[in-house]
Amino acid sequence: MLDGWAHRKIDPGLSALAEQLATAGVRANAITYSGLILGLMAAGAIAFEAYWAGLALVLASRLCDGLDGAVARINGKTDFGGYLDIVLDFAFYGAVPLGFIIADPGANAISGAVLLLAFYVNGASFLAYAVMAEKNRLKSRARGEKSLFFTTGLAEASETLAVFVAMCLFPAWFPIIAYVFAAVTAYTTVSRIVLAGSRFG
């Protein structure tokens, strides 16, 4: 929901930094891999209850997630780059809740599992819609120039980042935040299924 607004705010700065990286010979896929490594380090820090370090690593990881696409637009996009970006994004989205589950399984295991289930089904609905959109030759610029069809929703990357930040700042509230965001994510999934039914049915 907030991705469009967020992109308008941060894209100029990302583009300027991406120009410098591209000029230095940094490739988009290298940034994508770096984002995953930072994300996994964030999950590890969270698992050891180093929540401030986890927060810093989460933010660094998402900076890479914004930069890889900006560099790709300068150097030339590839299908593999688009594929890699989405797969490693989903790995990051799963790793952070897992870190909280490991940190305190007694308090966080069930709510974390519910959130991971919501992420799993939402990811499937997103990717399946993209496949059907490609099959039907649909195009969308709602979230800028992307390698695959992006459907918008209530729970997108900006909302997920905000939730992860809140979890790091208030780790004791993880179960409540996880349940609430699982519900938001489920709503996004259902709305996408309804949209798919109206468009592809």
Foldseek 3Di string as FASTA:
>chain_A
DCLLVVCVVCVVVLLVVLVVCVVVVHALVVLLVVLLVLLLVLLVCLLQVVLVSSLVSPVSSVSSLSNSVSNCVVVPPDLVSLVSSLVSVLVSLLSNLVSLCNNPVVQRVVLSVLLNVLSVLLSVLQVVVQVVCVVVVHDDCSNHDGSTHGDDFQDDDVNSSVLSNVCSVPVVCNSVSSNVVSVRSNVRSVVSVVVCVVPVD
